PDB file of N, CA and C in Angstrom:
ATOM      1  N   MET A   1      12.719  -9.986  -5.667  1.00  0.00           N
ATOM      2  CA  MET A   1      11.192  -9.725  -5.750  1.00  0.00           C
ATOM      3  C   MET A   1      11.110 -10.144  -7.095  1.00  0.00           C
ATOM      4  N   ASP A   2       9.857 -10.703  -7.383  1.00  0.00           N
ATOM      5  CA  ASP A   2       9.307 -11.100  -8.755  1.00  0.00           C
ATOM      6  C   ASP A   2       8.907 -10.009  -9.520  1.00  0.00           C
ATOM      7  N   LYS A   3       8.139  -9.176  -8.999  1.00  0.00           N
ATOM      8  CA  LYS A   3       7.469  -7.993  -9.782  1.00  0.00           C
ATOM      9  C   LYS A   3       8.051  -6.736  -9.354  1.00  0.00           C
ATOM     10  N   PRO A   4       7.980  -5.864  -9.999  1.00  0.00           N
ATOM     11  CA  PRO A   4       8.365  -4.441  -9.462  1.00  0.00           C
ATOM     12  C   PRO A   4       7.267  -3.901  -8.372  1.00  0.00           C
ATOM     13  N   LEU A   5       7.789  -3.113  -7.510  1.00  0.00           N
ATOM     14  CA  LEU A   5       6.843  -2.670  -6.426  1.00  0.00           C
ATOM     15  C   LEU A   5       6.024  -1.707  -7.228  1.00  0.00           C
ATOM     16  N   PHE A   6       6.254  -0.690  -8.189  1.00  0.00           N
ATOM     17  CA  PHE A   6       5.274   0.053  -8.618  1.00  0.00           C
ATOM     18  C   PHE A   6       5.197  -0.280 -10.317  1.00  0.00           C
ATOM     19  N   PRO A   7       3.693  -0.026 -10.771  1.00  0.00           N
ATOM     20  CA  PRO A   7       3.926  -0.411 -12.361  1.00  0.00           C
ATOM     21  C   PRO A   7       4.714   0.319 -13.021  1.00  0.00           C
ATOM     22  N   GLY A   8       5.226   0.006 -14.111  1.00  0.00           N
ATOM     23  CA  GLY A   8       6.384   0.566 -15.089  1.00  0.00           C
ATOM     24  C   GLY A   8       5.646   1.547 -15.894  1.00  0.00           C
ATOM     25  N   GLY A   9       5.808   2.913 -15.396  1.00  0.00           N
ATOM     26  CA  GLY A   9       5.402   4.226 -16.151  1.00  0.00           C
ATOM     27  C   GLY A   9       3.915   4.343 -16.150  1.00  0.00           C
ATOM     28  N   LYS A  10       3.569   5.434 -16.932  1.00  0.00           N
ATOM     29  CA  LYS A  10       2.215   6.072 -16.928  1.00  0.00           C
ATOM     30  C   LYS A  10       1.441   4.935 -17.539  1.00  0.00           C
ATOM     31  N   GLU A  11       1.785   4.410 -18.683  1.00  0.00           N
ATOM     32  CA  GLU A  11       0.986   3.355 -19.377  1.00  0.00           C
ATOM     33  C   GLU A  11       0.536   2.261 -18.655  1.00  0.00           C
ATOM     34  N   ALA A  12       1.535   1.726 -17.819  1.00  0.00           N
ATOM     35  CA  ALA A  12       1.022   0.626 -17.067  1.00  0.00           C
ATOM     36  C   ALA A  12       0.312   0.961 -15.808  1.00  0.00           C
ATOM     37  N   LEU A  13       0.435   2.122 -15.395  1.00  0.00           N
ATOM     38  CA  LEU A  13      -0.614   2.659 -14.225  1.00  0.00           C
ATOM     39  C   LEU A  13      -1.788   2.827 -14.769  1.00  0.00           C
ATOM     40  N   GLU A  14      -2.032   3.405 -15.908  1.00  0.00           N
ATOM     41  CA  GLU A  14      -3.234   3.565 -16.519  1.00  0.00           C
ATOM     42  C   GLU A  14      -4.058   2.369 -16.726  1.00  0.00           C
ATOM     43  N   LYS A  15      -3.465   1.176 -17.058  1.00  0.00           N
ATOM     44  CA  LYS A  15      -4.007  -0.123 -17.041  1.00  0.00           C
ATOM     45  C   LYS A  15      -4.804  -0.666 -15.678  1.00  0.00           C
ATOM     46  N   VAL A  16      -3.941  -0.328 -14.692  1.00  0.00           N
ATOM     47  CA  VAL A  16      -4.600  -0.678 -13.408  1.00  0.00           C
ATOM     48  C   VAL A  16      -5.959   0.287 -12.803  1.00  0.00           C
ATOM     49  N   VAL A  17      -5.474   1.447 -12.854  1.00  0.00           N
ATOM     50  CA  VAL A  17      -6.514   2.507 -12.599  1.00  0.00           C
ATOM     51  C   VAL A  17      -6.794   3.422 -13.724  1.00  0.00           C
ATOM     52  N   THR A  18      -8.047   3.099 -14.290  1.00  0.00           N
ATOM     53  CA  THR A  18      -8.408   3.815 -15.494  1.00  0.00           C
ATOM     54  C   THR A  18      -9.402   4.947 -15.401  1.00  0.00           C
ATOM     55  N   ASP A  19      -9.850   5.558 -16.200  1.00  0.00           N
ATOM     56  CA  ASP A  19     -11.092   6.576 -16.150  1.00  0.00           C
ATOM     57  C   ASP A  19     -12.139   5.900 -15.789  1.00  0.00           C
ATOM     58  N   LYS A  20     -12.486   4.676 -15.764  1.00  0.00           N
ATOM     59  CA  LYS A  20     -13.611   3.920 -15.428  1.00  0.00           C
ATOM     60  C   LYS A  20     -13.562   3.321 -13.986  1.00  0.00           C
ATOM     61  N   SER A  21     -12.323   3.538 -13.453  1.00  0.00           N
ATOM     62  CA  SER A  21     -12.202   2.946 -11.989  1.00  0.00           C
ATOM     63  C   SER A  21     -12.984   3.878 -11.068  1.00  0.00           C
ATOM     64  N   SER A  22     -13.420   3.248 -10.116  1.00  0.00           N
ATOM     65  CA  SER A  22     -14.053   4.068  -9.116  1.00  0.00           C
ATOM     66  C   SER A  22     -13.140   4.612  -8.068  1.00  0.00           C
ATOM     67  N   ASP A  23     -13.562   5.539  -7.144  1.00  0.00           N
ATOM     68  CA  ASP A  23     -12.583   5.839  -5.951  1.00  0.00           C
ATOM     69  C   ASP A  23     -12.143   4.706  -5.195  1.00  0.00           C
ATOM     70  N   LEU A  24     -12.968   3.718  -4.977  1.00  0.00           N
ATOM     71  CA  LEU A  24     -12.792   2.586  -4.152  1.00  0.00           C
ATOM     72  C   LEU A  24     -11.600   1.852  -4.897  1.00  0.00           C
ATOM     73  N   ASP A  25     -11.680   1.789  -6.348  1.00  0.00           N
ATOM     74  CA  ASP A  25     -10.587   1.038  -7.179  1.00  0.00           C
ATOM     75  C   ASP A  25      -9.514   1.725  -6.879  1.00  0.00           C
ATOM     76  N   ALA A  26      -9.347   2.984  -6.795  1.00  0.00           N
ATOM     77  CA  ALA A  26      -7.991   3.781  -6.591  1.00  0.00           C
ATOM     78  C   ALA A  26      -7.308   3.454  -5.281  1.00  0.00           C
ATOM     79  N   VAL A  27      -8.392   3.626  -4.368  1.00  0.00           N
ATOM     80  CA  VAL A  27      -7.968   3.343  -2.784  1.00  0.00           C
ATOM     81  C   VAL A  27      -7.488   1.678  -2.793  1.00  0.00           C
ATOM     82  N   LEU A  28      -8.117   0.702  -3.232  1.00  0.00           N
ATOM     83  CA  LEU A  28      -7.563  -0.526  -3.203  1.00  0.00           C
ATOM     84  C   LEU A  28      -6.226  -0.736  -3.689  1.00  0.00           C
ATOM     85  N   PHE A  29      -5.895  -0.036  -4.972  1.00  0.00           N
ATOM     86  CA  PHE A  29      -4.688  -0.103  -5.520  1.00  0.00           C
ATOM     87  C   PHE A  29      -3.680   0.675  -4.620  1.00  0.00           C
ATOM     88  N   GLY A  30      -3.922   1.695  -4.122  1.00  0.00           N
ATOM     89  CA  GLY A  30      -3.221   2.303  -3.094  1.00  0.00           C
ATOM     90  C   GLY A  30      -2.841   1.467  -1.852  1.00  0.00           C
ATOM     91  N   LEU A  31      -3.907   0.599  -1.405  1.00  0.00           N
ATOM     92  CA  LEU A  31      -3.609  -0.105  -0.287  1.00  0.00           C
ATOM     93  C   LEU A  31      -2.613  -1.386  -0.794  1.00  0.00           C
ATOM     94  N   GLU A  32      -2.803  -1.946  -1.959  1.00  0.00           N
ATOM     95  CA  GLU A  32      -1.884  -2.872  -2.439  1.00  0.00           C
ATOM     96  C   GLU A  32      -0.472  -2.441  -2.350  1.00  0.00           C
ATOM     97  N   ILE A  33      -0.252  -1.199  -2.785  1.00  0.00           N
ATOM     98  CA  ILE A  33       1.007  -0.704  -2.822  1.00  0.00           C
ATOM     99  C   ILE A  33       1.682  -0.507  -1.652  1.00  0.00           C
ATOM    100  N   GLU A  34       0.839  -0.154  -0.669  1.00  0.00           N
ATOM    101  CA  GLU A  34       1.213   0.013   0.879  1.00  0.00           C
ATOM    102  C   GLU A  34       1.638  -1.322   1.330  1.00  0.00           C
ATOM    103  N   ILE A  35       0.971  -2.372   0.957  1.00  0.00           N
ATOM    104  CA  ILE A  35       1.169  -3.800   1.538  1.00  0.00           C
ATOM    105  C   ILE A  35       2.398  -4.122   1.071  1.00  0.00           C
ATOM    106  N   LYS A  36       2.609  -4.002  -0.447  1.00  0.00           N
ATOM    107  CA  LYS A  36       3.988  -4.336  -0.918  1.00  0.00           C
ATOM    108  C   LYS A  36       5.156  -3.594  -0.486  1.00  0.00           C
ATOM    109  N   SER A  37       4.901  -2.383  -0.162  1.00  0.00           N
ATOM    110  CA  SER A  37       6.097  -1.497   0.368  1.00  0.00           C
ATOM    111  C   SER A  37       6.419  -1.940   1.799  1.00  0.00           C
ATOM    112  N   TYR A  38       5.413  -2.162   2.688  1.00  0.00           N
ATOM    113  CA  TYR A  38       5.569  -2.600   4.028  1.00  0.00           C
ATOM    114  C   TYR A  38       6.252  -3.880   4.200  1.00  0.00           C
ATOM    115  N   ASP A  39       5.755  -4.972   3.115  1.00  0.00           N
ATOM    116  CA  ASP A  39       6.534  -6.183   3.152  1.00  0.00           C
ATOM    117  C   ASP A  39       8.116  -6.014   2.582  1.00  0.00           C
ATOM    118  N   LEU A  40       8.292  -5.105   1.664  1.00  0.00           N
ATOM    119  CA  LEU A  40       9.641  -5.155   1.288  1.00  0.00           C
ATOM    120  C   LEU A  40      10.465  -4.406   2.418  1.00  0.00           C
ATOM    121  N   TYR A  41      10.001  -3.504   3.271  1.00  0.00           N
ATOM    122  CA  TYR A  41      10.794  -2.915   4.210  1.00  0.00           C
ATOM    123  C   TYR A  41      10.898  -3.862   5.155  1.00  0.00           C
ATOM    124  N   ARG A  42       9.891  -4.424   5.714  1.00  0.00           N
ATOM    125  CA  ARG A  42       9.889  -5.154   6.741  1.00  0.00           C
ATOM    126  C   ARG A  42      10.868  -6.502   6.680  1.00  0.00           C
ATOM    127  N   THR A  43      10.897  -7.203   5.544  1.00  0.00           N
ATOM    128  CA  THR A  43      11.561  -8.214   5.091  1.00  0.00           C
ATOM    129  C   THR A  43      13.253  -7.677   5.010  1.00  0.00           C
ATOM    130  N   THR A  44      13.402  -6.639   4.421  1.00  0.00           N
ATOM    131  CA  THR A  44      14.854  -6.108   4.456  1.00  0.00           C
ATOM    132  C   THR A  44      15.035  -5.789   5.707  1.00  0.00           C
ATOM    133  N   SER A  45      14.471  -5.342   6.706  1.00  0.00           N
ATOM    134  CA  SER A  45      14.780  -4.924   8.058  1.00  0.00           C
ATOM    135  C   SER A  45      15.197  -6.369   8.713  1.00  0.00           C
ATOM    136  N   LEU A  46      14.554  -7.428   8.368  1.00  0.00           N
ATOM    137  CA  LEU A  46      14.913  -8.695   8.966  1.00  0.00           C
ATOM    138  C   LEU A  46      16.253  -9.149   8.470  1.00  0.00           C
ATOM    139  N   GLU A  47      16.358  -8.922   7.275  1.00  0.00           N
ATOM    140  CA  GLU A  47      17.587  -9.447   6.584  1.00  0.00           C
ATOM    141  C   GLU A  47      18.952  -8.665   6.780  1.00  0.00           C
ATOM    142  N   THR A  48      18.776  -7.408   7.076  1.00  0.00           N
ATOM    143  CA  THR A  48      19.992  -6.929   7.344  1.00  0.00           C
ATOM    144  C   THR A  48      20.674  -6.771   8.484  1.00  0.00           C
ATOM    145  N   THR A  49      22.096  -6.930   8.672  1.00  0.00           N
ATOM    146  CA  THR A  49      22.691  -7.229   9.883  1.00  0.00           C
ATOM    147  C   THR A  49      23.336  -5.731  10.489  1.00  0.00           C
ATOM    148  N   ASP A  50      23.215  -4.738   9.636  1.00  0.00           N
ATOM    149  CA  ASP A  50      23.591  -3.265  10.063  1.00  0.00           C
ATOM    150  C   ASP A  50      22.623  -2.590  10.856  1.00  0.00           C
ATOM    151  N   PRO A  51      22.818  -2.314  12.165  1.00  0.00           N
ATOM    152  CA  PRO A  51      21.945  -1.852  13.090  1.00  0.00           C
ATOM    153  C   PRO A  51      21.336  -0.552  12.728  1.00  0.00           C
ATOM    154  N   ILE A  52      22.032   0.457  12.114  1.00  0.00           N
ATOM    155  CA  ILE A  52      21.370   1.558  11.517  1.00  0.00           C
ATOM    156  C   ILE A  52      20.437   1.236  10.273  1.00  0.00           C
ATOM    157  N   GLY A  53      20.882   0.370   9.533  1.00  0.00           N
ATOM    158  CA  GLY A  53      19.924  -0.082   8.084  1.00  0.00           C
ATOM    159  C   GLY A  53      18.696  -0.679   8.588  1.00  0.00           C
ATOM    160  N   LYS A  54      18.752  -1.617   9.811  1.00  0.00           N
ATOM    161  CA  LYS A  54      17.675  -2.332  10.455  1.00  0.00           C
ATOM    162  C   LYS A  54      16.741  -1.213  10.892  1.00  0.00           C
ATOM    163  N   GLU A  55      17.310  -0.180  11.832  1.00  0.00           N
ATOM    164  CA  GLU A  55      16.257   0.906  12.145  1.00  0.00           C
ATOM    165  C   GLU A  55      15.639   1.520  11.154  1.00  0.00           C
ATOM    166  N   MET A  56      16.303   2.031   9.938  1.00  0.00           N
ATOM    167  CA  MET A  56      15.773   2.748   9.118  1.00  0.00           C
ATOM    168  C   MET A  56      14.684   1.897   8.202  1.00  0.00           C
ATOM    169  N   PHE A  57      14.808   0.612   8.100  1.00  0.00           N
ATOM    170  CA  PHE A  57      13.911  -0.106   7.443  1.00  0.00           C
ATOM    171  C   PHE A  57      12.739  -0.274   8.159  1.00  0.00           C
ATOM    172  N   GLU A  58      12.961  -0.545   9.519  1.00  0.00           N
ATOM    173  CA  GLU A  58      11.806  -0.673  10.649  1.00  0.00           C
ATOM    174  C   GLU A  58      10.911   0.502  10.502  1.00  0.00           C
ATOM    175  N   PHE A  59      11.598   1.730  10.449  1.00  0.00           N
ATOM    176  CA  PHE A  59      10.970   3.108  10.272  1.00  0.00           C
ATOM    177  C   PHE A  59      10.031   3.084   9.207  1.00  0.00           C
ATOM    178  N   LEU A  60      10.679   2.817   8.072  1.00  0.00           N
ATOM    179  CA  LEU A  60      10.021   2.890   6.767  1.00  0.00           C
ATOM    180  C   LEU A  60       8.920   1.923   6.728  1.00  0.00           C
ATOM    181  N   ALA A  61       8.848   0.797   7.417  1.00  0.00           N
ATOM    182  CA  ALA A  61       7.855  -0.201   7.508  1.00  0.00           C
ATOM    183  C   ALA A  61       6.892   0.480   8.313  1.00  0.00           C
ATOM    184  N   GLY A  62       7.033   1.204   9.125  1.00  0.00           N
ATOM    185  CA  GLY A  62       6.244   1.681  10.203  1.00  0.00           C
ATOM    186  C   GLY A  62       5.317   2.961   9.551  1.00  0.00           C
ATOM    187  N   GLU A  63       6.064   3.608   8.697  1.00  0.00           N
ATOM    188  CA  GLU A  63       5.415   4.537   7.862  1.00  0.00           C
ATOM    189  C   GLU A  63       4.568   3.997   6.789  1.00  0.00           C
ATOM    190  N   GLU A  64       4.738   2.939   6.230  1.00  0.00           N
ATOM    191  CA  GLU A  64       3.862   2.335   5.189  1.00  0.00           C
ATOM    192  C   GLU A  64       2.703   1.687   5.945  1.00  0.00           C
ATOM    193  N   ARG A  65       2.890   1.105   7.273  1.00  0.00           N
ATOM    194  CA  ARG A  65       1.721   0.874   7.875  1.00  0.00           C
ATOM    195  C   ARG A  65       0.692   1.779   8.169  1.00  0.00           C
ATOM    196  N   GLY A  66       1.246   3.069   8.608  1.00  0.00           N
ATOM    197  CA  GLY A  66       0.377   4.409   8.994  1.00  0.00           C
ATOM    198  C   GLY A  66      -0.290   4.829   7.591  1.00  0.00           C
ATOM    199  N   HIS A  67       0.447   4.773   6.537  1.00  0.00           N
ATOM    200  CA  HIS A  67      -0.226   4.991   5.154  1.00  0.00           C
ATOM    201  C   HIS A  67      -1.230   4.085   4.916  1.00  0.00           C
ATOM    202  N   PHE A  68      -1.130   2.707   5.216  1.00  0.00           N
ATOM    203  CA  PHE A  68      -2.131   1.835   4.984  1.00  0.00           C
ATOM    204  C   PHE A  68      -3.419   2.115   5.955  1.00  0.00           C
ATOM    205  N   ASN A  69      -3.174   2.473   7.051  1.00  0.00           N
ATOM    206  CA  ASN A  69      -4.392   2.735   7.963  1.00  0.00           C
ATOM    207  C   ASN A  69      -4.957   3.980   7.430  1.00  0.00           C
ATOM    208  N   ILE A  70      -4.428   4.889   7.155  1.00  0.00           N
ATOM    209  CA  ILE A  70      -5.019   6.020   6.647  1.00  0.00           C
ATOM    210  C   ILE A  70      -5.904   5.753   5.315  1.00  0.00           C
ATOM    211  N   LEU A  71      -5.376   5.104   4.274  1.00  0.00           N
ATOM    212  CA  LEU A  71      -6.068   4.556   3.270  1.00  0.00           C
ATOM    213  C   LEU A  71      -7.195   3.597   3.580  1.00  0.00           C
ATOM    214  N   MET A  72      -7.021   2.606   4.613  1.00  0.00           N
ATOM    215  CA  MET A  72      -8.132   1.787   5.008  1.00  0.00           C
ATOM    216  C   MET A  72      -9.238   2.513   5.522  1.00  0.00           C
ATOM    217  N   MET A  73      -9.062   3.782   6.208  1.00  0.00           N
ATOM    218  CA  MET A  73     -10.030   4.571   6.801  1.00  0.00           C
ATOM    219  C   MET A  73     -10.860   5.363   5.597  1.00  0.00           C
ATOM    220  N   ARG A  74     -10.053   5.699   4.592  1.00  0.00           N
ATOM    221  CA  ARG A  74     -10.775   6.123   3.453  1.00  0.00           C
ATOM    222  C   ARG A  74     -11.819   5.186   2.901  1.00  0.00           C
ATOM    223  N   TYR A  75     -11.115   3.960   2.604  1.00  0.00           N
ATOM    224  CA  TYR A  75     -11.759   2.949   1.995  1.00  0.00           C
ATOM    225  C   TYR A  75     -13.134   2.671   2.840  1.00  0.00           C
ATOM    226  N   GLU A  76     -13.011   2.517   3.944  1.00  0.00           N
ATOM    227  CA  GLU A  76     -14.171   2.325   4.882  1.00  0.00           C
ATOM    228  C   GLU A  76     -15.293   3.294   4.753  1.00  0.00           C
ATOM    229  N   TYR A  77     -14.754   4.619   4.735  1.00  0.00           N
ATOM    230  CA  TYR A  77     -15.725   5.757   4.551  1.00  0.00           C
ATOM    231  C   TYR A  77     -16.504   5.794   3.240  1.00  0.00           C
ATOM    232  N   LEU A  78     -15.550   5.561   1.961  1.00  0.00           N
ATOM    233  CA  LEU A  78     -16.213   5.348   0.790  1.00  0.00           C
ATOM    234  C   LEU A  78     -17.299   4.098   0.635  1.00  0.00           C
ATOM    235  N   ALA A  79     -16.767   3.108   1.253  1.00  0.00           N
ATOM    236  CA  ALA A  79     -17.445   1.824   1.138  1.00  0.00           C
ATOM    237  C   ALA A  79     -18.795   1.954   1.997  1.00  0.00           C
ATOM    238  N   GLY A  80     -18.854   2.773   2.884  1.00  0.00           N
ATOM    239  CA  GLY A  80     -19.971   3.021   3.746  1.00  0.00           C
ATOM    240  C   GLY A  80     -20.302   1.730   4.419  1.00  0.00           C
ATOM    241  N   PRO A  81     -21.469   1.717   5.125  1.00  0.00           N
ATOM    242  CA  PRO A  81     -22.045   0.794   5.911  1.00  0.00           C
ATOM    243  C   PRO A  81     -22.811  -0.222   5.135  1.00  0.00           C
ATOM    244  N   ILE A  82     -22.324  -0.892   4.218  1.00  0.00           N
ATOM    245  CA  ILE A  82     -22.935  -1.740   3.323  1.00  0.00           C
ATOM    246  C   ILE A  82     -23.443  -2.951   4.157  1.00  0.00           C
ATOM    247  N   GLY A  83     -24.742  -3.270   3.796  1.00  0.00           N
ATOM    248  CA  GLY A  83     -25.259  -4.339   4.645  1.00  0.00           C
ATOM    249  C   GLY A  83     -25.748  -4.007   5.955  1.00  0.00           C
ATOM    250  N   TRP A  84     -25.372  -2.759   6.510  1.00  0.00           N
ATOM    251  CA  TRP A  84     -25.811  -2.556   7.855  1.00  0.00           C
ATOM    252  C   TRP A  84     -27.445  -2.117   7.873  1.00  0.00           C
ATOM    253  N   SER A  85     -28.044  -2.561   8.922  1.00  0.00           N
ATOM    254  CA  SER A  85     -29.348  -2.060   9.111  1.00  0.00           C
ATOM    255  C   SER A  85     -29.553  -1.374  10.471  1.00  0.00           C
ATOM    256  N   ALA A  86     -30.492  -0.405  10.314  1.00  0.00           N
ATOM    257  CA  ALA A  86     -30.707   0.305  11.628  1.00  0.00           C
ATOM    258  C   ALA A  86     -31.465  -0.300  12.538  1.00  0.00           C
TER     259      ALA A  86
END
């Protein structure tokens, strides 16, 4: 993996999500982390030959997909029906 999954320390995180960031910015950051986590676990599950390891990484990938779905619902709620008309 080229870049670390999570920013390095509090200072790096504060550069990504600042006090000027909106709730949507924070949720988008969370969605990015969930995608990276899912990709990591899914790729590792495909690469491992150990059946127990494969099962564990597939489980973890599924958990990340669930987290992503929850955050996406929050994003859609916060973003609202932009552009919709009655």
